[in-house]
Amino acid sequence: MDKPFLAVVALGCAAAALTWGRSARLRYRVVSRVAEIYGESDALDLSRNTFLKDALATLILGVVAVASLLASFTPGDRAHLAFVLVLVPALMVVVYGRNFPRHARLATDRWELERKVEEVLDQENLAPKRWAERLAPVELGDFPGFELGRVYQAGTGLMAGDFYDVFKVGEGRVAAVIGDVTGHGIEPSITAFQAKYLLRVFLRQFRDPAQALEELNAQMSSVESREEFISLGVVVFDMDAQTLRYASAGHPSAWLWHGRDVHPLRATGPLLMLDPVGRYFSKEVPLEEHDLLLLYTDGLAEARDGAELFGEERIANTLRRDPGASPGVLCKDLLGAAQDFSSGKITDDVAILAIRKL
C-alpha cells in the first residue's frame, strides 16, 4: 500500500456512505407510501427529490471510498486516475439537479401551507378559550363597596355553557348573575352568550329581577327549534336601601352568609325556556356589612364520589366553617374540595362567584 492515508479516507467515506444509505432506504419507503396514498402529486415529487438526494450522497461517498481505496494501491502518479470514477455521480447530479430548484420552490410552498394550517389550528384551539372568557371573564371590574371572587373550570366539552356577570344597573345598584345552559357544544354556548347580554339590557330596564327574568324567558322561548333550558340566578344589590333582591330560574340554591348564619336563596320560578309564559317572583333580604353571597353552577354540587354527590350542604358547610375568608380564597377552596371529593375528573363546567359587602 503506497498511500495509507487514502485508505483511511476510503474507510471514512465508506462509513458515511452507509449512513446516507440507511437514510435513502427509509426515504424510499416514504416514497412508496406517498405514491400509494396520493399517487402522482407534489408530495410525491418532494418525497422522490429527498430520496434522490440521499441516494446521490450515498453514491458519491461510495465512489470516493472506492476511488480512494484503489488509489492507495496504485503506484506512482497514476493514482489520481482512480478518481475519474467520481465523474459518474457528478454527471448524475447534473442530470437530476435540473429539478432541484422546482423542488425547492415546492418545499417552500409546502412550508408556507403548513404554517397557515398551524395558524388555523391554533385559532381553533384558542377560540373556545376566548369564548369562555366572554362568558366567564377572569376580570370582573372594580365595584366600590364590594369584594369579588370567581373561579371557572371548563369541563370536557370544547365550548362552555356556564356563565356569570357582575355589572352596574343604576346608581347605587349592582347586579350579579350566574347561569348554566343544558347540553354541550357550540349551540348551548351561543345560547349562554345571548342570555347573558340580553339580561344586561332587561336588568337595566326593570328594577325587579323577576320581571327581567320573565322578559328574558319570553324572548329566549320565542326562538324556534330549541331544546335547551337555562338555569339562572340573579341578585341585585341596592346600596341605598341596603338590601339584596334576588330571583332564580331553577338554579341551584345560592348561599348568603348573614346574621352569623348561612341562608339558602332557592329558586323562585322554573327553568328558562321551559314555559314561554312562566312566572317568576323576587325576594328581598336586608344586607349588612361583611355579608357574603355565594353563587355557583351545578357542576360544583354534582361532583361525584361513586353515587354520592358533593351536594349543596357541603357547599354551605364550607362557607359556614370560614365565613371570613376572602371571596377569591373561598371560591378556590370550594373547587379544591369538590375535586378532592370526586373519585374522577369533574366533567361538567364549574363556575363559582362570591361577593362580599364591605
Protein backbone atom coordinates (compact mmCIF):
# COMPACT_ATOMS: atom_id res chain seq x y z
CA MET A 1 0.00 0.00 0.00
CA ASP A 2 1.75 3.12 -1.28
CA LYS A 3 -0.61 5.69 0.20
CA PRO A 4 -2.10 4.51 3.53
CA PHE A 5 -3.73 7.88 4.25
CA LEU A 6 -6.02 7.29 1.21
CA ALA A 7 -7.09 4.01 2.79
CA VAL A 8 -8.15 5.99 5.89
CA VAL A 9 -10.11 8.37 3.61
CA ALA A 10 -11.74 5.35 1.95
CA LEU A 11 -12.78 3.97 5.34
CA GLY A 12 -14.31 7.28 6.43
CA CYS A 13 -16.20 7.74 3.15
CA ALA A 14 -17.48 4.16 3.33
CA ALA A 15 -18.87 4.77 6.84
CA ALA A 16 -20.56 7.96 5.67
CA ALA A 17 -21.97 6.16 2.62
CA LEU A 18 -23.54 3.54 4.90
CA THR A 19 -25.18 6.28 6.96
CA TRP A 20 -26.63 8.03 3.93
CA GLY A 21 -27.62 4.64 2.51
CA ARG A 22 -29.77 3.87 5.54
CA SER A 23 -31.40 7.27 5.18
CA ALA A 24 -32.03 6.67 1.46
CA ARG A 25 -33.64 3.30 2.24
CA LEU A 26 -36.05 4.92 4.69
CA ARG A 27 -36.78 7.73 2.20
CA TYR A 28 -37.63 5.12 -0.43
CA ARG A 29 -40.20 3.59 1.92
CA VAL A 30 -41.74 7.02 2.32
CA VAL A 31 -41.87 7.44 -1.48
CA SER A 32 -43.69 4.11 -1.80
CA ARG A 33 -46.17 5.08 0.93
CA VAL A 34 -46.86 8.52 -0.54
CA ALA A 35 -47.31 7.03 -4.03
CA GLU A 36 -49.79 4.53 -2.59
CA ILE A 37 -51.85 7.19 -0.81
CA TYR A 38 -51.63 10.26 -3.06
CA GLY A 39 -50.44 8.94 -6.45
CA GLU A 40 -48.74 11.45 -8.71
CA SER A 41 -48.65 14.68 -6.71
CA ASP A 42 -46.42 17.44 -5.41
CA ALA A 43 -46.00 15.44 -2.23
CA LEU A 44 -44.69 12.50 -4.26
CA ASP A 45 -42.28 14.79 -6.18
CA LEU A 46 -40.89 16.15 -2.92
CA SER A 47 -40.52 12.65 -1.49
CA ARG A 48 -38.70 11.46 -4.61
CA ASN A 49 -36.44 14.51 -4.55
CA THR A 50 -35.44 13.86 -0.95
CA PHE A 51 -34.80 10.19 -1.73
CA LEU A 52 -32.67 11.05 -4.79
CA LYS A 53 -30.53 13.49 -2.82
CA ASP A 54 -29.85 10.88 -0.17
CA ALA A 55 -29.19 8.24 -2.85
CA LEU A 56 -26.78 10.53 -4.73
CA ALA A 57 -24.96 11.39 -1.50
CA THR A 58 -24.62 7.66 -0.83
CA LEU A 59 -23.33 7.05 -4.37
CA ILE A 60 -20.82 9.91 -4.29
CA LEU A 61 -19.41 8.87 -0.94
CA GLY A 62 -19.30 5.24 -2.04
CA VAL A 63 -17.46 6.12 -5.26
CA VAL A 64 -14.99 8.33 -3.37
CA ALA A 65 -14.39 5.43 -0.95
CA VAL A 66 -13.71 3.02 -3.81
CA ALA A 67 -11.53 5.55 -5.67
CA SER A 68 -9.52 6.30 -2.53
CA LEU A 69 -9.02 2.62 -1.87
CA LEU A 70 -7.88 1.96 -5.45
CA ALA A 71 -5.58 4.99 -5.39
CA SER A 72 -3.95 3.78 -2.16
CA PHE A 73 -2.79 0.63 -4.01
CA THR A 74 -1.92 2.34 -7.31
CA PRO A 75 1.82 3.06 -7.63
CA GLY A 76 3.30 6.30 -8.99
CA ASP A 77 1.46 9.24 -10.43
CA ARG A 78 -1.37 7.15 -11.87
CA ALA A 79 -3.22 7.11 -8.55
CA HIS A 80 -5.22 10.16 -9.46
CA LEU A 81 -6.79 8.28 -12.40
CA ALA A 82 -8.90 6.31 -9.90
CA PHE A 83 -10.79 9.49 -9.08
CA VAL A 84 -12.18 9.62 -12.61
CA LEU A 85 -14.88 7.35 -11.15
CA VAL A 86 -16.24 10.40 -9.28
CA LEU A 87 -17.41 11.80 -12.64
CA VAL A 88 -20.21 9.21 -12.71
CA PRO A 89 -22.18 10.51 -9.70
CA ALA A 90 -21.22 14.08 -10.62
CA LEU A 91 -22.92 13.67 -14.01
CA MET A 92 -25.96 12.16 -12.31
CA VAL A 93 -26.20 15.23 -10.06
CA VAL A 94 -26.10 17.46 -13.15
CA VAL A 95 -28.88 15.43 -14.80
CA TYR A 96 -31.19 15.19 -11.80
CA GLY A 97 -30.23 18.57 -10.39
CA ARG A 98 -32.22 20.39 -13.04
CA ASN A 99 -35.36 19.69 -10.97
CA PHE A 100 -33.85 20.77 -7.64
CA PRO A 101 -34.92 24.47 -7.91
CA ARG A 102 -38.51 23.45 -8.65
CA HIS A 103 -38.47 21.07 -5.72
CA ALA A 104 -37.07 23.84 -3.52
CA ARG A 105 -40.00 26.06 -4.52
CA LEU A 106 -42.42 23.22 -3.81
CA ALA A 107 -40.84 22.77 -0.39
CA THR A 108 -41.18 26.49 0.31
CA ASP A 109 -44.84 26.47 -0.76
CA ARG A 110 -45.47 23.40 1.36
CA TRP A 111 -43.84 25.03 4.38
CA GLU A 112 -46.00 28.12 3.89
CA LEU A 113 -49.12 25.96 3.64
CA GLU A 114 -48.19 24.06 6.81
CA ARG A 115 -47.60 27.34 8.61
CA LYS A 116 -51.06 28.58 7.62
CA VAL A 117 -52.62 25.28 8.72
CA GLU A 118 -50.88 25.60 12.10
CA GLU A 119 -52.25 29.13 12.46
CA VAL A 120 -55.78 27.90 11.71
CA LEU A 121 -55.41 25.04 14.21
CA ASP A 122 -54.07 27.44 16.84
CA GLN A 123 -57.06 29.71 16.29
CA GLU A 124 -59.44 26.76 16.54
CA ASN A 125 -57.82 25.69 19.80
CA LEU A 126 -57.87 29.25 21.10
CA ALA A 127 -61.45 30.02 20.08
CA PRO A 128 -63.16 28.02 22.89
CA LYS A 129 -60.90 29.66 25.45
CA ARG A 130 -61.65 33.15 24.13
CA TRP A 131 -65.37 32.35 24.04
CA ALA A 132 -65.28 31.04 27.62
CA GLU A 133 -63.58 34.26 28.71
CA ARG A 134 -66.55 36.20 27.31
CA LEU A 135 -68.99 34.05 29.26
CA ALA A 136 -66.90 33.73 32.44
CA PRO A 137 -64.39 36.61 32.43
CA VAL A 138 -61.25 36.49 34.53
CA GLU A 139 -61.55 40.19 35.40
CA LEU A 140 -64.88 41.37 36.76
CA GLY A 141 -64.06 45.03 37.20
CA ASP A 142 -63.97 47.21 40.29
CA PHE A 143 -67.16 47.80 42.30
CA PRO A 144 -66.70 50.10 45.30
CA GLY A 145 -68.25 48.63 48.43
CA PHE A 146 -67.82 45.04 47.28
CA GLU A 147 -65.08 42.40 47.21
CA LEU A 148 -65.41 39.82 44.46
CA GLY A 149 -64.00 36.36 43.85
CA ARG A 150 -64.52 33.92 41.00
CA VAL A 151 -63.40 30.56 39.71
CA TYR A 152 -64.18 28.89 36.42
CA GLN A 153 -63.15 25.39 35.35
CA ALA A 154 -64.09 24.06 31.93
CA GLY A 155 -65.45 20.54 31.67
CA THR A 156 -64.70 18.04 28.95
CA GLY A 157 -66.59 19.89 26.19
CA LEU A 158 -64.89 22.32 23.81
CA MET A 159 -67.41 25.10 24.38
CA ALA A 160 -68.69 26.43 27.68
CA GLY A 161 -72.36 26.69 28.70
CA ASP A 162 -71.78 28.24 32.15
CA PHE A 163 -71.60 31.99 32.56
CA TYR A 164 -71.52 34.73 35.15
CA ASP A 165 -71.60 38.50 35.15
CA VAL A 166 -71.33 41.45 37.55
CA PHE A 167 -72.28 44.94 36.39
CA LYS A 168 -73.92 48.21 37.45
CA VAL A 169 -77.62 48.55 36.64
CA GLY A 170 -78.06 52.04 38.00
CA GLU A 171 -76.84 54.48 40.59
CA GLY A 172 -76.04 52.55 43.74
CA ARG A 173 -77.26 49.25 42.24
CA VAL A 174 -75.09 46.30 41.20
CA ALA A 175 -76.32 43.06 39.61
CA ALA A 176 -74.70 39.64 39.87
CA VAL A 177 -75.75 36.86 37.51
CA ILE A 178 -74.83 33.21 37.15
CA GLY A 179 -76.29 30.70 34.71
CA ASP A 180 -75.96 27.34 33.03
CA VAL A 181 -77.33 26.15 29.67
CA THR A 182 -78.10 22.46 29.28
CA GLY A 183 -76.02 20.46 26.84
CA HIS A 184 -72.54 20.84 25.43
CA GLY A 185 -71.10 22.29 22.27
CA ILE A 186 -71.44 25.43 20.23
CA GLU A 187 -75.24 25.85 20.39
CA PRO A 188 -75.57 25.95 24.21
CA SER A 189 -72.57 28.28 24.27
CA ILE A 190 -74.27 30.67 21.84
CA THR A 191 -77.47 30.49 23.90
CA ALA A 192 -75.48 31.35 27.04
CA PHE A 193 -73.93 34.33 25.27
CA GLN A 194 -77.35 35.59 24.15
CA ALA A 195 -78.90 35.15 27.59
CA LYS A 196 -76.04 36.90 29.35
CA TYR A 197 -76.16 40.06 27.27
CA LEU A 198 -79.95 40.22 26.87
CA LEU A 199 -80.21 40.04 30.65
CA ARG A 200 -77.93 43.08 30.95
CA VAL A 201 -80.49 45.03 28.91
CA PHE A 202 -83.52 43.79 30.84
CA LEU A 203 -81.97 44.35 34.29
CA ARG A 204 -81.38 47.97 33.34
CA GLN A 205 -84.93 48.21 32.05
CA PHE A 206 -86.66 46.57 35.03
CA ARG A 207 -85.80 47.23 38.68
CA ASP A 208 -87.25 43.87 39.72
CA PRO A 209 -85.03 40.92 38.67
CA ALA A 210 -88.14 38.69 38.38
CA GLN A 211 -89.53 40.97 35.68
CA ALA A 212 -86.19 40.82 33.88
CA LEU A 213 -86.30 37.01 34.02
CA GLU A 214 -89.85 36.91 32.64
CA GLU A 215 -88.85 39.15 29.73
CA LEU A 216 -85.71 37.10 29.08
CA ASN A 217 -87.75 33.87 29.17
CA ALA A 218 -90.26 35.26 26.68
CA GLN A 219 -87.54 36.38 24.30
CA MET A 220 -85.43 33.21 24.51
CA SER A 221 -88.50 30.94 24.22
CA SER A 222 -89.55 32.66 21.01
CA VAL A 223 -86.56 31.17 19.17
CA GLU A 224 -87.67 28.12 17.19
CA SER A 225 -86.08 24.65 17.18
CA ARG A 226 -84.57 24.95 20.62
CA GLU A 227 -84.36 22.04 23.04
CA GLU A 228 -82.24 23.86 25.60
CA PHE A 229 -83.04 25.10 29.07
CA ILE A 230 -81.27 27.68 31.19
CA SER A 231 -80.93 27.75 34.94
CA LEU A 232 -80.13 31.26 36.07
CA GLY A 233 -79.75 33.18 39.31
CA VAL A 234 -79.97 36.98 39.54
CA VAL A 235 -79.13 39.17 42.51
CA VAL A 236 -79.42 42.95 42.63
CA PHE A 237 -77.60 44.77 45.44
CA ASP A 238 -79.17 48.11 46.38
CA MET A 239 -76.59 50.14 48.28
CA ASP A 240 -79.03 52.94 49.15
CA ALA A 241 -81.69 50.63 50.59
CA GLN A 242 -79.07 48.23 51.99
CA THR A 243 -80.93 45.27 50.56
CA LEU A 244 -80.36 42.30 48.32
CA ARG A 245 -83.12 41.35 45.89
CA TYR A 246 -82.91 38.02 44.09
CA ALA A 247 -84.79 35.81 41.65
CA SER A 248 -83.84 32.37 40.39
CA ALA A 249 -84.95 30.41 37.33
CA GLY A 250 -84.49 26.85 38.56
CA HIS A 251 -80.87 27.48 39.55
CA PRO A 252 -79.11 25.63 42.40
CA SER A 253 -79.51 27.38 45.75
CA ALA A 254 -77.28 30.35 46.33
CA TRP A 255 -76.00 30.80 49.88
CA LEU A 256 -75.93 34.03 51.85
CA TRP A 257 -73.83 34.50 54.97
CA HIS A 258 -75.99 36.90 57.01
CA GLY A 259 -76.68 37.29 60.71
CA ARG A 260 -73.93 34.83 61.69
CA ASP A 261 -75.53 32.01 59.71
CA VAL A 262 -75.84 30.66 56.18
CA HIS A 263 -79.20 31.08 54.42
CA PRO A 264 -80.31 29.44 51.15
CA LEU A 265 -81.66 31.54 48.29
CA ARG A 266 -83.71 28.98 46.41
CA ALA A 267 -85.40 29.01 43.00
CA THR A 268 -88.31 31.42 42.56
CA GLY A 269 -89.50 30.12 39.20
CA PRO A 270 -88.99 27.44 36.51
CA LEU A 271 -86.04 26.98 34.21
CA LEU A 272 -85.88 29.50 31.40
CA MET A 273 -87.26 28.27 28.04
CA LEU A 274 -89.28 25.55 29.81
CA ASP A 275 -92.52 27.53 29.75
CA PRO A 276 -92.82 30.60 27.49
CA VAL A 277 -95.28 32.21 29.93
CA GLY A 278 -93.51 31.07 33.09
CA ARG A 279 -93.91 33.33 36.12
CA TYR A 280 -91.13 34.42 38.46
CA PHE A 281 -91.06 36.33 41.73
CA SER A 282 -88.36 38.07 43.71
CA LYS A 283 -87.40 38.03 47.36
CA GLU A 284 -85.67 40.79 49.28
CA VAL A 285 -83.42 40.43 52.31
CA PRO A 286 -81.56 43.06 54.33
CA LEU A 287 -77.86 43.47 53.64
CA GLU A 288 -75.30 44.09 56.35
CA GLU A 289 -71.60 44.81 56.43
CA HIS A 290 -69.45 41.74 55.66
CA ASP A 291 -72.41 39.70 54.37
CA LEU A 292 -71.25 37.30 51.68
CA LEU A 293 -73.18 35.86 48.74
CA LEU A 294 -72.08 32.59 47.10
CA LEU A 295 -73.33 31.61 43.64
CA TYR A 296 -72.30 28.54 41.65
CA THR A 297 -73.39 26.25 38.81
CA ASP A 298 -74.46 22.64 39.22
CA GLY A 299 -71.09 21.26 38.12
CA LEU A 300 -69.87 22.03 41.65
CA ALA A 301 -72.74 20.38 43.55
CA GLU A 302 -72.80 17.39 41.20
CA ALA A 303 -69.16 16.38 41.60
CA ARG A 304 -69.34 12.65 42.34
CA ASP A 305 -67.71 10.06 44.52
CA GLY A 306 -69.39 6.99 43.08
CA ALA A 307 -73.14 7.53 43.52
CA GLU A 308 -72.68 10.23 46.17
CA LEU A 309 -72.85 13.90 45.17
CA PHE A 310 -70.76 16.70 46.66
CA GLY A 311 -74.08 18.41 47.26
CA GLU A 312 -75.37 21.79 48.36
CA GLU A 313 -74.91 21.11 52.08
CA ARG A 314 -71.16 20.58 51.71
CA ILE A 315 -71.02 23.88 49.85
CA ALA A 316 -72.92 25.62 52.65
CA ASN A 317 -70.73 23.99 55.31
CA THR A 318 -67.56 25.21 53.56
CA LEU A 319 -68.89 28.77 53.80
CA ARG A 320 -70.08 28.18 57.37
CA ARG A 321 -66.64 26.96 58.53
CA ASP A 322 -64.81 30.09 57.38
CA PRO A 323 -67.22 32.93 56.60
CA GLY A 324 -64.44 35.49 56.96
CA ALA A 325 -62.36 34.07 54.10
CA SER A 326 -61.86 36.36 51.15
CA PRO A 327 -64.22 35.64 48.23
CA GLY A 328 -61.33 34.56 45.99
CA VAL A 329 -59.98 32.10 48.56
CA LEU A 330 -63.47 30.74 49.24
CA CYS A 331 -64.05 30.02 45.54
CA LYS A 332 -60.72 28.22 45.19
CA ASP A 333 -61.29 26.23 48.39
CA LEU A 334 -64.71 25.12 47.17
CA LEU A 335 -63.37 23.95 43.83
CA GLY A 336 -60.48 22.16 45.55
CA ALA A 337 -62.85 20.46 47.99
CA ALA A 338 -65.06 19.24 45.13
CA GLN A 339 -62.01 17.94 43.22
CA ASP A 340 -60.75 16.12 46.32
CA PHE A 341 -64.21 14.66 46.90
CA SER A 342 -64.69 13.49 43.32
CA SER A 343 -63.49 9.97 42.54
CA GLY A 344 -62.70 11.04 38.98
CA LYS A 345 -62.26 14.16 36.93
CA ILE A 346 -65.11 16.67 37.15
CA THR A 347 -66.53 16.51 33.62
CA ASP A 348 -69.05 19.36 33.82
CA ASP A 349 -68.23 23.06 33.69
CA VAL A 350 -67.92 24.67 37.12
CA ALA A 351 -68.44 28.38 37.76
CA ILE A 352 -68.30 29.90 41.26
CA LEU A 353 -68.91 33.54 42.12
CA ALA A 354 -68.59 35.06 45.62
CA ILE A 355 -69.40 38.66 46.59
CA ARG A 356 -68.86 40.27 49.96
CA LYS A 357 -70.35 43.59 51.02
CA LEU A 358 -67.65 45.72 52.66
